[in-house]
Structure formats: structure tokens, C-alpha cells
């Protein structure tokens, strides 16, 4: 009899609004990926401390070095393969660099292997999914070796953070919109086209039409960038034909990056919307030795409380790998204000990871070629507002020490955890981005637009320097005045203030000053 122990942080509860609607077919085949511990964890932690402190002597590791020194140990992979074999599971793929082993088998085999019960649930907003409650268990010899087991349940984990402009007349003057090159100019982006760089974009559904991209870039008078789709775990480029669905997200991301950095190659990683799919897609982008993205843009996320702690930690360790490789990861901070749509103060993950550049939103007015007014994006409950606040999952990073968040109820409170966001940019649909989605010319906002905006800026900076800017947070926080400080507005519980705040972070970019700071 093999002894089994619960995997720390794998506990799941029944989500509010969910109910069991049936049993899973025991013969149905699924894929599950197992994430393993790092080799030389103590040495890796010491390296991360230097990176977090912005130590200029630390150079990015090559993907080969990261795999060799800090990938999964051969012995650990062998143990997982022996465990799989004992339970009749097939090893589909092993990736020592990403520390993952992908297993395939029937529902019955996985239930037995990990001591779980998988059932079909229904949720009023998420629809039907395969779920579980309680903890996942692993045998004694894998205890401490396995960090996460992902994919047993496939509930939707994240939502896209974009808002299509509704056909209403806002009270405050006329509606305006900007093309991405106009915003790059208003934000003083340095000249360049991102040539020689690859920008990775993560998508959890939907797709793009090449005809849309071709028409759009031609209408702007910029060259069409090279866009390729990379399928991860049965994900692929599948446009739905609905601009209000995930196609809106996918096309927005590509059009913003491509319009500002048309010389960069754009690799779009498509996956399933589940914690397993999301984490694996980011991991595949980070460790991609073919496309080698130097910047990754993520416009999807969900409230921290929706994630299991094993998923948070597994995802965070992938983002740490990105930091050691010199890959900058930009993530949208959410479009539902300080509550992230939950009813109490919450920040959005992965934006709340200390290893990403969390991108919040502003509302922007321009006069000619200059910004005349910029405030926190908050168009009310229907129109959306920038996410931001204080993480309950991640401690205060060294580069945010001494900062405080200003409450709309009055008073400042020193940050007790990771403060979100780091930076901001135009996000209000009322002052949004003119894009072409599923053949329809439309105006889109949301913090979803800000992540690719910053990713395109970093691509231009990387191309000009001939080397990756990498993990930029420590440098940005040290560089006074690289961002336009936003001091007006609020996102619900938090108010804008001089310096960093929990609505727009350090502010919107002055691209040339950001380039100088990096």
C-alpha cells in the first residue's frame, strides 16, 4: 500500500454559484501536467534577490543555462515517470527546462493516481466545467518533488480585460479615439520599429483574421508585422466571428503591438482558459527556444482569491524564470476597479505577481500633439475602471518599500503587500483605441490595451539597445519622472496621489525617459 500525502495548496472548494450536474465519464481521456521543484533552489533564490534589487552586475541567463542549472532534476522526472507507469498513465511530453511532465490518461486513472473525485459542475457565468473539491494527494516519494498538478479540473480561470465602447454619449464632452501610433507619439515613444525582437502574446480563446490585420496596418500606413500562432495544449487560432468575444482581445493585442513595433515578430500563444492552460502557455512562451520572445504581453487575469495557492506559486515560478532570462512580462491589472468584480478589495493575478509589470488604466485627452489631461480610468460600474490595490498573496517587493496607498475614505496606509499596478496608459473606452475586429471598425479600451502598449514600447527599447531590458521594475521605481504622474481620480477604494498610487502606479509612460531609465 503506497502512502499518499495531500499536495500543499491544492485544496479546492465549491465555488459560489456552482453545483454538481453529473459524473465524469471514467473512460474519457484528459491531459494533466505536473510541475516539479527546481534544482539548486537556494542558489536560484540568491540570484532572484539580486535581480529584485536591480543589481546591474546580473546578466540574463541563456535558456540553455536556465534549463541546465535550474530546471528539473533527471531523478525527479524519473520518479514522476515511474509513478505514471504504475497508474497506467502515458507521458506525452517532458520538459526539464520548464520543469513539467505532461501526462495523459482516463478520468478513472487520474482519480486513482491523485486520490481525487472529478465531477461536472455548472456555474451561472462560467458555464459547465470539470471540477473537484478537497486536496490532490501524491505518494510519499513525490512529496516535496511535485509543486503542482494542473488540469484535473478545467474551470475557466481568467477573463479578458477589454471593453468595447458602448454606443452612448458620455456626459463629459465628445468621444475621442486614438490609433496606437498616435498614442506612441503622445507618450513620446523613442523612434524605432522593434526590428529583431519577438513579442509573445498569451490568449485563452478566440482568434484573429489575417485579412483584418492586413487591412488595419495598411490603413495606418505601417508595414505588416510577421504574426505566427503557436498552439499550446489543444489551443489554436480560432476566430469566433464575434468582435465582442475573445476575438476582440486577440485582435486588439496584435494590432497595438504590430502598429507600434511593426518590425518585431509577434508570436501568439493560444491555449485553453484554465489554470493549467494559462500557466503552460506562459511557460511555453518563456522557454520558447524557437521564437525567443524578449517581451510577453498578458491581457487576461482573475481575482487572486479565484486561484489555488499551488496555481499561484506555479505561475509565479514561471514568471521568476522569465526575469532570470531577461524577458519582460506586461500584464493588465483588470477592468473592474478596486474590487476586481468581487465585491471586496481584490487585485488581479497575474498582474499582482512581483515579477510582472502590472499595467493600469487612465482616461486621456489630447490637444494637438500633446496630452492636455490624464486621470484615473473610472467610467463607473457600467463603463469599467482600472484595477489596483494591495496583494494579499505576495509580500511587499524591495522596490516598493516605503510606498503607501491613498484611500478614497481619506488617509494613506503604508503598503503591506505587493502594490498594483506599476504603470498605466490610456484605457478608457471613451478615449480608446481605434481597431479593426472581425471586419468591424470599433473603439476598444480596458487595461488589456495597456499591456501590449507597454510591451511595444519595451520592444522598441530592446531593439535600439540590442539587448533585452529584462525585469524592469527595480529600475523604473528608482527613476524619478520617467512616467507622467497621474494625480486625479480613483478606482473605487483607492485614489490617485502624487508619486505611486494604487490606481495608476508610477503613471503613464514618457517613452524616451523610460528608455533612458532602462
Protein backbone atom coordinates (compact mmCIF):
# COMPACT_ATOMS: atom_id res chain seq x y z
CA UNK A 1 0.00 0.00 0.00
CA UNK A 2 1.55 3.31 -1.11
CA UNK A 3 1.24 6.14 1.39
CA UNK A 4 -0.12 9.39 -0.02
CA UNK A 5 0.07 12.94 1.30
CA UNK A 6 -2.02 15.99 0.36
CA UNK A 7 -0.23 18.38 -2.01
CA UNK A 8 0.09 21.72 -0.16
CA UNK A 9 -2.02 24.49 -1.69
CA UNK A 10 -4.04 22.18 -3.96
CA UNK A 11 -7.28 22.44 -1.97
CA UNK A 12 -10.37 23.42 -3.98
CA UNK A 13 -13.79 24.35 -2.60
CA UNK A 14 -17.12 24.52 -4.42
CA UNK A 15 -17.22 27.98 -6.00
CA UNK A 16 -20.21 30.10 -5.02
CA UNK A 17 -22.89 29.74 -7.65
CA UNK A 18 -21.65 26.29 -8.76
CA UNK A 19 -23.46 22.99 -8.46
CA UNK A 20 -22.67 19.39 -9.41
CA UNK A 21 -24.67 18.42 -12.51
CA UNK A 22 -23.27 14.98 -13.24
CA UNK A 23 -20.44 12.48 -13.01
CA UNK A 24 -17.49 12.41 -15.40
CA UNK A 25 -17.20 9.53 -17.85
CA UNK A 26 -14.48 7.34 -16.26
CA UNK A 27 -13.18 6.36 -19.73
CA UNK A 28 -12.80 9.95 -21.00
CA UNK A 29 -9.15 10.79 -21.72
CA UNK A 30 -7.64 14.03 -20.38
CA UNK A 31 -4.19 15.58 -20.07
CA UNK A 32 -2.71 16.79 -16.78
CA UNK A 33 0.62 18.46 -16.24
CA UNK A 34 2.83 18.01 -13.23
CA UNK A 35 5.21 20.79 -12.24
CA UNK A 36 8.40 19.84 -10.39
CA UNK A 37 10.73 21.62 -7.99
CA UNK A 38 13.81 23.45 -9.23
CA UNK A 39 17.33 22.13 -8.95
CA UNK A 40 19.57 24.32 -6.79
CA UNK A 41 16.65 26.29 -5.36
CA UNK A 42 18.84 28.12 -2.79
CA UNK A 43 21.26 29.28 -5.50
CA UNK A 44 18.28 30.36 -7.65
CA UNK A 45 16.78 32.34 -4.73
CA UNK A 46 20.09 34.15 -4.25
CA UNK A 47 20.09 35.06 -7.97
CA UNK A 48 16.47 36.30 -7.72
CA UNK A 49 17.37 38.52 -4.74
CA UNK A 50 19.99 40.26 -6.89
CA UNK A 51 17.55 40.67 -9.79
CA UNK A 52 14.87 42.06 -7.46
CA UNK A 53 17.38 44.55 -6.07
CA UNK A 54 18.20 45.69 -9.62
CA UNK A 55 21.84 44.57 -9.30
CA UNK A 56 23.48 45.78 -12.56
CA UNK A 57 26.12 43.02 -12.42
CA UNK A 58 23.48 40.33 -13.10
CA UNK A 59 23.26 39.42 -16.79
CA UNK A 60 20.30 37.47 -18.23
CA UNK A 61 20.80 33.70 -18.31
CA UNK A 62 20.54 31.86 -21.62
CA UNK A 63 17.58 29.46 -21.92
CA UNK A 64 20.15 26.62 -22.06
CA UNK A 65 21.82 27.69 -18.79
CA UNK A 66 18.48 28.09 -17.01
CA UNK A 67 17.48 24.59 -18.11
CA UNK A 68 20.80 23.03 -17.06
CA UNK A 69 21.22 24.76 -13.70
CA UNK A 70 17.66 25.41 -12.55
CA UNK A 71 15.46 23.01 -14.50
CA UNK A 72 14.02 19.79 -13.11
CA UNK A 73 16.49 17.13 -11.91
CA UNK A 74 16.60 13.95 -14.04
CA UNK A 75 15.91 11.87 -10.88
CA UNK A 76 12.74 13.86 -10.18
CA UNK A 77 11.48 13.36 -13.73
CA UNK A 78 12.25 9.64 -13.46
CA UNK A 79 10.15 9.40 -10.26
CA UNK A 80 7.15 11.03 -11.97
CA UNK A 81 7.51 8.68 -14.96
CA UNK A 82 7.62 5.65 -12.65
CA UNK A 83 4.51 6.94 -10.84
CA UNK A 84 2.75 7.47 -14.19
CA UNK A 85 3.65 3.97 -15.35
CA UNK A 86 2.33 2.43 -12.10
CA UNK A 87 -1.05 4.09 -12.74
CA UNK A 88 -1.26 3.32 -16.47
CA UNK A 89 -0.72 6.97 -17.44
CA UNK A 90 1.17 7.94 -20.61
CA UNK A 91 3.95 10.56 -20.65
CA UNK A 92 3.07 12.89 -23.55
CA UNK A 93 5.90 15.37 -23.06
CA UNK A 94 8.67 16.08 -20.59
CA UNK A 95 10.31 19.49 -20.47
CA UNK A 96 13.15 19.67 -17.93
CA UNK A 97 13.66 23.42 -18.62
CA UNK A 98 10.03 24.24 -17.80
CA UNK A 99 10.07 21.56 -15.05
CA UNK A 100 6.90 19.96 -16.43
CA UNK A 101 5.76 16.47 -17.33
CA UNK A 102 2.52 16.22 -19.31
CA UNK A 103 0.52 13.06 -18.59
CA UNK A 104 -2.40 11.53 -20.48
CA UNK A 105 -4.89 9.01 -19.18
CA UNK A 106 -8.52 8.33 -18.37
CA UNK A 107 -10.55 10.13 -15.72
CA UNK A 108 -10.60 6.84 -13.73
CA UNK A 109 -6.79 6.53 -13.87
CA UNK A 110 -6.24 10.12 -12.74
CA UNK A 111 -8.81 9.82 -9.94
CA UNK A 112 -6.93 6.79 -8.64
CA UNK A 113 -3.46 8.29 -9.17
CA UNK A 114 -4.13 11.54 -7.30
CA UNK A 115 -6.93 10.40 -4.94
CA UNK A 116 -9.47 12.90 -6.29
CA UNK A 117 -13.08 12.76 -7.47
CA UNK A 118 -13.81 14.64 -10.70
CA UNK A 119 -17.38 15.78 -11.39
CA UNK A 120 -19.21 18.03 -13.85
CA UNK A 121 -20.20 21.38 -12.38
CA UNK A 122 -22.28 24.22 -13.71
CA UNK A 123 -21.76 27.88 -12.83
CA UNK A 124 -24.08 30.76 -13.76
CA UNK A 125 -21.29 32.71 -15.52
CA UNK A 126 -18.58 30.12 -16.26
CA UNK A 127 -20.91 27.51 -17.78
CA UNK A 128 -20.05 23.80 -17.44
CA UNK A 129 -16.67 22.52 -16.37
CA UNK A 130 -14.90 19.54 -14.84
CA UNK A 131 -14.14 20.23 -11.18
CA UNK A 132 -13.05 18.73 -7.89
CA UNK A 133 -13.10 19.60 -4.19
CA UNK A 134 -10.52 18.96 -1.46
CA UNK A 135 -6.81 18.34 -1.99
CA UNK A 136 -4.78 16.41 -4.56
CA UNK A 137 -2.66 13.64 -2.99
CA UNK A 138 0.74 12.40 -4.10
CA UNK A 139 2.78 9.40 -2.89
CA UNK A 140 5.47 9.91 -0.23
CA UNK A 141 8.34 9.71 -2.73
CA UNK A 142 6.87 12.64 -4.72
CA UNK A 143 6.18 14.77 -1.66
CA UNK A 144 8.34 17.91 -1.99
CA UNK A 145 9.24 16.91 -5.58
CA UNK A 146 5.89 17.84 -7.14
CA UNK A 147 4.95 21.52 -6.79
CA UNK A 148 1.65 21.49 -8.67
CA UNK A 149 -0.71 19.15 -10.50
CA UNK A 150 -2.74 21.14 -13.03
CA UNK A 151 -5.51 20.21 -15.44
CA UNK A 152 -7.54 17.77 -13.35
CA UNK A 153 -10.18 20.46 -13.33
CA UNK A 154 -10.75 22.78 -16.28
CA UNK A 155 -12.91 25.59 -14.91
CA UNK A 156 -12.39 28.92 -16.71
CA UNK A 157 -9.61 30.67 -14.78
CA UNK A 158 -9.34 34.14 -16.29
CA UNK A 159 -11.22 36.77 -18.23
CA UNK A 160 -10.03 39.16 -20.92
CA UNK A 161 -9.63 42.77 -19.74
CA UNK A 162 -11.01 44.72 -22.69
CA UNK A 163 -14.10 46.88 -23.11
CA UNK A 164 -15.69 47.70 -26.46
CA UNK A 165 -17.03 51.24 -26.42
CA UNK A 166 -20.81 51.19 -25.93
CA UNK A 167 -22.84 53.43 -28.25
CA UNK A 168 -23.60 56.04 -25.58
CA UNK A 169 -22.85 59.74 -25.35
CA UNK A 170 -20.70 60.39 -22.29
CA UNK A 171 -21.59 63.45 -20.25
CA UNK A 172 -18.08 64.83 -20.39
CA UNK A 173 -17.74 66.15 -23.90
CA UNK A 174 -17.28 64.29 -27.17
CA UNK A 175 -15.96 60.81 -27.67
CA UNK A 176 -12.44 60.56 -28.99
CA UNK A 177 -10.26 57.69 -30.05
CA UNK A 178 -6.62 57.19 -30.92
CA UNK A 179 -4.66 54.91 -33.20
CA UNK A 180 -1.74 53.11 -31.48
CA UNK A 181 0.85 55.24 -33.37
CA UNK A 182 -0.91 58.43 -32.16
CA UNK A 183 -0.63 57.20 -28.56
CA UNK A 184 3.03 56.23 -29.10
CA UNK A 185 3.62 59.80 -30.24
CA UNK A 186 1.63 61.40 -27.36
CA UNK A 187 3.62 59.24 -24.92
CA UNK A 188 6.95 60.23 -26.58
CA UNK A 189 7.97 56.68 -27.51
CA UNK A 190 11.53 56.58 -28.87
CA UNK A 191 11.80 56.11 -32.64
CA UNK A 192 12.10 52.58 -33.98
CA UNK A 193 10.07 49.61 -35.16
CA UNK A 194 11.15 46.84 -32.77
CA UNK A 195 13.14 45.10 -35.53
CA UNK A 196 14.86 41.89 -34.42
CA UNK A 197 12.59 41.42 -31.37
CA UNK A 198 9.84 38.89 -30.78
CA UNK A 199 6.80 39.87 -28.68
CA UNK A 200 4.86 36.93 -27.20
CA UNK A 201 1.12 37.41 -26.66
CA UNK A 202 -0.89 34.99 -24.49
CA UNK A 203 -4.51 34.24 -25.49
CA UNK A 204 -7.03 31.95 -23.78
CA UNK A 205 -9.53 31.72 -26.62
CA UNK A 206 -10.72 33.38 -29.81
CA UNK A 207 -8.51 34.22 -32.74
CA UNK A 208 -7.53 36.69 -35.42
CA UNK A 209 -8.17 37.02 -39.14
CA UNK A 210 -5.14 37.75 -41.31
CA UNK A 211 -7.39 39.91 -43.54
CA UNK A 212 -8.26 42.18 -40.59
CA UNK A 213 -4.59 42.65 -39.74
CA UNK A 214 -3.63 43.35 -43.36
CA UNK A 215 -6.38 45.99 -43.81
CA UNK A 216 -5.69 47.56 -40.43
CA UNK A 217 -1.93 48.01 -40.84
CA UNK A 218 -2.44 49.25 -44.43
CA UNK A 219 -4.96 51.86 -43.18
CA UNK A 220 -2.32 53.13 -40.72
CA UNK A 221 0.41 53.15 -43.33
CA UNK A 222 2.67 50.81 -41.35
CA UNK A 223 4.27 47.60 -42.61
CA UNK A 224 2.50 44.36 -41.65
CA UNK A 225 4.44 42.58 -38.91
CA UNK A 226 5.09 38.86 -39.10
CA UNK A 227 2.42 37.20 -36.92
CA UNK A 228 2.51 33.48 -36.14
CA UNK A 229 0.18 31.44 -33.99
CA UNK A 230 1.59 28.86 -31.55
CA UNK A 231 -0.85 26.21 -30.32
CA UNK A 232 -0.47 25.08 -26.70
CA UNK A 233 -2.40 22.10 -25.23
CA UNK A 234 -5.03 21.84 -27.98
CA UNK A 235 -5.29 25.64 -28.27
CA UNK A 236 -5.25 27.23 -31.73
CA UNK A 237 -6.18 30.37 -33.65
CA UNK A 238 -9.97 30.03 -33.83
CA UNK A 239 -11.78 33.30 -34.59
CA UNK A 240 -15.42 33.14 -33.48
CA UNK A 241 -16.60 35.97 -35.73
CA UNK A 242 -17.87 37.87 -32.67
CA UNK A 243 -15.91 41.11 -32.04
CA UNK A 244 -17.43 41.29 -28.53
CA UNK A 245 -15.98 37.87 -27.62
CA UNK A 246 -12.34 36.80 -27.18
CA UNK A 247 -11.57 37.77 -30.82
CA UNK A 248 -11.73 41.35 -29.53
CA UNK A 249 -8.92 40.61 -27.10
CA UNK A 250 -6.71 38.73 -29.54
CA UNK A 251 -7.00 41.25 -32.35
CA UNK A 252 -6.61 44.27 -30.05
CA UNK A 253 -3.35 42.87 -28.62
CA UNK A 254 -1.86 42.09 -32.04
CA UNK A 255 -2.94 45.39 -33.64
CA UNK A 256 -1.49 47.52 -30.82
CA UNK A 257 1.89 45.72 -30.74
CA UNK A 258 2.07 45.49 -34.54
CA UNK A 259 1.17 49.13 -35.17
CA UNK A 260 3.86 50.41 -32.77
CA UNK A 261 6.55 47.77 -33.38
CA UNK A 262 5.87 46.53 -36.94
CA UNK A 263 9.45 45.30 -37.28
CA UNK A 264 9.02 42.85 -34.40
CA UNK A 265 7.82 39.31 -34.90
CA UNK A 266 4.61 38.56 -32.96
CA UNK A 267 4.13 35.03 -31.59
CA UNK A 268 0.57 34.44 -30.33
CA UNK A 269 0.30 31.52 -27.89
CA UNK A 270 -3.23 30.08 -27.92
CA UNK A 271 -4.39 27.82 -25.12
CA UNK A 272 -7.45 26.70 -23.15
CA UNK A 273 -8.92 29.01 -20.50
CA UNK A 274 -8.00 27.03 -17.37
CA UNK A 275 -5.25 27.45 -14.79
CA UNK A 276 -3.34 24.59 -16.47
CA UNK A 277 -3.67 26.13 -19.94
CA UNK A 278 -2.79 29.64 -18.81
CA UNK A 279 0.32 28.60 -16.85
CA UNK A 280 1.52 26.23 -19.58
CA UNK A 281 1.11 28.86 -22.33
CA UNK A 282 3.17 31.42 -20.40
CA UNK A 283 5.75 28.73 -19.59
CA UNK A 284 5.98 27.70 -23.27
CA UNK A 285 6.47 31.35 -24.27
CA UNK A 286 9.15 31.93 -21.62
CA UNK A 287 11.07 28.77 -22.56
CA UNK A 288 10.47 29.01 -26.33
CA UNK A 289 13.87 28.40 -27.95
CA UNK A 290 12.46 28.90 -31.47
CA UNK A 291 10.75 32.32 -31.23
CA UNK A 292 12.66 33.56 -28.14
CA UNK A 293 10.28 36.40 -27.13
CA UNK A 294 12.04 39.22 -25.23
CA UNK A 295 8.68 40.67 -24.11
CA UNK A 296 5.41 38.90 -23.23
CA UNK A 297 2.03 40.64 -23.07
CA UNK A 298 -0.82 39.17 -20.97
CA UNK A 299 -4.28 40.77 -21.08
CA UNK A 300 -6.13 38.06 -19.16
CA UNK A 301 -6.44 37.51 -15.42
CA UNK A 302 -8.70 36.85 -12.47
CA UNK A 303 -9.04 37.89 -8.82
CA UNK A 304 -6.30 36.45 -6.57
CA UNK A 305 -8.94 34.65 -4.48
CA UNK A 306 -10.02 32.59 -7.55
CA UNK A 307 -6.62 30.86 -7.73
CA UNK A 308 -5.44 27.90 -5.66
CA UNK A 309 -2.18 28.56 -3.91
CA UNK A 310 -0.45 25.78 -5.95
CA UNK A 311 -1.51 27.55 -9.18
CA UNK A 312 -0.37 30.97 -7.93
CA UNK A 313 3.03 29.60 -6.88
CA UNK A 314 3.48 27.54 -10.07
CA UNK A 315 2.64 30.57 -12.25
CA UNK A 316 4.85 32.84 -10.15
CA UNK A 317 7.82 30.49 -10.53
CA UNK A 318 7.40 30.65 -14.34
CA UNK A 319 7.45 34.46 -14.08
CA UNK A 320 10.64 34.23 -11.98
CA UNK A 321 12.21 32.20 -14.81
CA UNK A 322 11.23 34.98 -17.23
CA UNK A 323 13.01 37.53 -15.01
CA UNK A 324 16.24 35.47 -14.99
CA UNK A 325 16.12 35.17 -18.81
CA UNK A 326 15.71 38.93 -19.26
CA UNK A 327 12.13 38.57 -20.56
CA UNK A 328 9.84 41.49 -19.62
CA UNK A 329 6.27 40.39 -18.83
CA UNK A 330 3.49 43.03 -19.01
CA UNK A 331 0.07 42.16 -17.53
CA UNK A 332 -3.26 44.00 -17.44
CA UNK A 333 -4.41 44.95 -13.93
CA UNK A 334 -8.14 44.44 -14.55
CA UNK A 335 -11.16 46.48 -15.63
CA UNK A 336 -13.46 46.21 -12.61
CA UNK A 337 -11.98 48.77 -10.21
CA UNK A 338 -10.55 48.09 -6.76
CA UNK A 339 -12.84 45.07 -6.19
CA UNK A 340 -11.86 43.27 -9.43
CA UNK A 341 -15.56 42.47 -9.69
CA UNK A 342 -15.69 40.51 -6.40
CA UNK A 343 -17.47 42.88 -4.04
CA UNK A 344 -14.45 43.45 -1.75
CA UNK A 345 -10.96 44.87 -2.39
CA UNK A 346 -9.01 42.44 -4.59
CA UNK A 347 -6.18 42.64 -7.07
CA UNK A 348 -5.98 40.69 -10.32
CA UNK A 349 -3.45 37.91 -10.92
CA UNK A 350 -1.04 37.51 -12.79
CA UNK A 351 -0.72 41.34 -12.62
CA UNK A 352 -0.15 41.02 -8.85
CA UNK A 353 2.94 38.84 -9.27
CA UNK A 354 6.01 40.85 -8.25
CA UNK A 355 7.75 39.59 -11.42
CA UNK A 356 5.47 41.32 -13.93
CA UNK A 357 4.98 44.94 -14.95
CA UNK A 358 1.35 45.48 -13.85
CA UNK A 359 -0.45 47.85 -16.23
CA UNK A 360 -3.30 50.05 -15.02
CA UNK A 361 -5.54 52.45 -16.92
CA UNK A 362 -6.09 56.17 -17.49
CA UNK A 363 -8.53 58.34 -19.39
CA UNK A 364 -6.68 60.63 -21.77
CA UNK A 365 -7.47 63.89 -23.54
CA UNK A 366 -5.11 65.37 -26.12
CA UNK A 367 -4.78 68.75 -27.71
CA UNK A 368 -2.88 68.57 -30.99
CA UNK A 369 0.27 66.55 -30.38
CA UNK A 370 0.28 66.88 -26.59
CA UNK A 371 -1.64 65.36 -23.68
CA UNK A 372 -3.89 68.04 -22.19
CA UNK A 373 -5.42 65.96 -19.39
CA UNK A 374 -4.95 62.47 -17.99
CA UNK A 375 -6.79 60.99 -14.98
CA UNK A 376 -7.52 57.56 -13.49
CA UNK A 377 -9.78 55.49 -15.77
CA UNK A 378 -13.12 55.16 -13.98
CA UNK A 379 -16.25 55.23 -16.17
CA UNK A 380 -18.49 53.92 -13.38
CA UNK A 381 -19.97 50.46 -12.79
CA UNK A 382 -21.14 50.01 -16.39
CA UNK A 383 -18.15 51.54 -18.15
CA UNK A 384 -15.37 49.92 -16.10
CA UNK A 385 -12.43 51.21 -14.07
CA UNK A 386 -8.76 50.34 -13.67
CA UNK A 387 -7.86 47.53 -11.29
CA UNK A 388 -5.42 48.27 -8.49
CA UNK A 389 -4.81 47.76 -4.79
CA UNK A 390 -2.70 45.66 -2.46
CA UNK A 391 -1.98 41.95 -2.96
CA UNK A 392 -2.99 39.50 -0.27
CA UNK A 393 -0.90 36.75 -1.85
CA UNK A 394 2.51 38.39 -2.39
CA UNK A 395 4.71 40.27 0.10
CA UNK A 396 6.00 43.80 -0.44
CA UNK A 397 8.78 43.78 -3.07
CA UNK A 398 12.02 45.54 -2.12
CA UNK A 399 11.49 48.17 -4.86
CA UNK A 400 8.13 49.22 -3.36
CA UNK A 401 9.42 49.68 0.21
CA UNK A 402 8.27 52.92 1.82
CA UNK A 403 5.32 53.44 -0.55
CA UNK A 404 1.74 53.90 0.61
CA UNK A 405 -1.73 53.66 -0.90
CA UNK A 406 -4.15 56.57 -0.61
CA UNK A 407 -7.69 55.60 0.34
CA UNK A 408 -10.74 57.37 -1.06
CA UNK A 409 -12.01 57.43 2.52
CA UNK A 410 -9.05 59.68 3.36
CA UNK A 411 -5.61 58.86 4.72
CA UNK A 412 -2.58 56.98 3.46
CA UNK A 413 -1.64 53.50 4.50
CA UNK A 414 1.85 52.00 4.10
CA UNK A 415 1.82 49.08 1.65
CA UNK A 416 1.51 45.75 3.48
CA UNK A 417 1.95 43.64 0.31
CA UNK A 418 2.72 43.96 -3.39
CA UNK A 419 1.08 47.16 -4.68
CA UNK A 420 -0.72 47.06 -8.05
CA UNK A 421 -0.33 48.49 -10.70
CA UNK A 422 3.24 49.59 -11.54
CA UNK A 423 2.43 51.80 -14.53
CA UNK A 424 -0.55 52.89 -16.62
CA UNK A 425 -1.70 54.10 -20.01
CA UNK A 426 -4.86 55.09 -21.89
CA UNK A 427 -7.59 52.52 -21.15
CA UNK A 428 -10.99 54.22 -21.10
CA UNK A 429 -13.22 53.06 -23.99
CA UNK A 430 -14.41 56.70 -24.16
CA UNK A 431 -10.83 57.73 -25.13
CA UNK A 432 -9.92 54.32 -26.53
CA UNK A 433 -8.08 52.66 -29.39
CA UNK A 434 -9.39 52.53 -32.97
CA UNK A 435 -9.05 48.91 -34.12
CA UNK A 436 -10.48 46.54 -36.73
CA UNK A 437 -12.01 43.32 -35.34
CA UNK A 438 -13.85 40.67 -37.39
CA UNK A 439 -14.21 43.18 -40.23
CA UNK A 440 -15.73 45.84 -37.94
CA UNK A 441 -14.04 49.17 -37.21
CA UNK A 442 -14.50 49.71 -33.48
CA UNK A 443 -13.11 51.53 -30.45
CA UNK A 444 -11.80 49.44 -27.56
CA UNK A 445 -10.45 50.24 -24.12
CA UNK A 446 -9.53 48.30 -20.99
CA UNK A 447 -6.23 47.59 -19.27
CA UNK A 448 -5.93 44.89 -21.96
CA UNK A 449 -4.80 47.65 -24.28
CA UNK A 450 -2.17 48.94 -21.84
CA UNK A 451 -0.19 45.68 -21.55
CA UNK A 452 0.53 45.49 -25.33
CA UNK A 453 1.16 49.28 -25.38
CA UNK A 454 3.95 48.87 -22.82
CA UNK A 455 5.14 45.63 -24.48
CA UNK A 456 5.55 47.51 -27.78
CA UNK A 457 7.49 50.28 -26.00
CA UNK A 458 9.85 47.69 -24.46
CA UNK A 459 10.28 46.02 -27.89
CA UNK A 460 11.38 49.38 -29.37
CA UNK A 461 13.77 49.96 -26.44
CA UNK A 462 15.23 46.42 -26.71
CA UNK A 463 15.75 46.83 -30.47
CA UNK A 464 17.54 50.16 -30.02
CA UNK A 465 19.78 48.81 -27.23
CA UNK A 466 20.43 45.49 -28.95
CA UNK A 467 19.80 43.73 -25.63
CA UNK A 468 16.75 42.97 -23.50
CA UNK A 469 15.65 45.42 -20.80
CA UNK A 470 14.54 42.36 -18.79
CA UNK A 471 12.90 42.71 -15.39
CA UNK A 472 12.44 46.48 -15.36
CA UNK A 473 10.51 47.15 -12.13
CA UNK A 474 13.51 47.97 -9.88
CA UNK A 475 14.89 50.43 -12.46
CA UNK A 476 11.53 52.13 -13.07
CA UNK A 477 10.88 52.68 -9.37
CA UNK A 478 14.36 54.22 -8.98
CA UNK A 479 13.91 56.54 -11.99
CA UNK A 480 12.07 59.61 -10.80
CA UNK A 481 10.00 61.21 -13.53
CA UNK A 482 10.16 58.51 -16.23
CA UNK A 483 6.35 58.39 -16.07
CA UNK A 484 3.66 61.07 -16.24
CA UNK A 485 2.35 61.22 -12.67
CA UNK A 486 -1.45 60.88 -12.55
CA UNK A 487 -2.91 62.71 -9.54
CA UNK A 488 -6.65 62.85 -10.27
CA UNK A 489 -9.38 60.25 -9.94
CA UNK A 490 -9.97 56.95 -8.12
CA UNK A 491 -10.79 53.31 -8.85
CA UNK A 492 -13.26 52.81 -6.01
CA UNK A 493 -11.34 52.29 -2.77
CA UNK A 494 -8.08 53.93 -3.87
CA UNK A 495 -7.33 57.47 -5.02
CA UNK A 496 -4.64 58.88 -7.27
CA UNK A 497 -1.94 60.88 -5.50
CA UNK A 498 1.48 62.38 -6.17
CA UNK A 499 4.01 59.58 -6.75
CA UNK A 500 2.99 55.93 -6.84
CA UNK A 501 -0.67 55.11 -6.20
CA UNK A 502 -2.89 52.02 -6.31
CA UNK A 503 -4.77 53.24 -9.42
CA UNK A 504 -2.13 54.16 -11.99
CA UNK A 505 1.12 53.12 -10.27
CA UNK A 506 4.01 55.39 -11.26
CA UNK A 507 1.90 56.82 -14.11
CA UNK A 508 1.71 56.68 -17.90
CA UNK A 509 4.89 56.39 -19.99
CA UNK A 510 7.18 59.11 -21.20
CA UNK A 511 8.79 56.64 -23.59
CA UNK A 512 12.09 58.48 -24.06
CA UNK A 513 12.56 58.88 -20.31
CA UNK A 514 11.64 55.22 -19.76
CA UNK A 515 14.25 54.25 -22.38
CA UNK A 516 16.85 56.40 -20.60
CA UNK A 517 15.95 54.86 -17.21
CA UNK A 518 16.45 51.35 -18.57
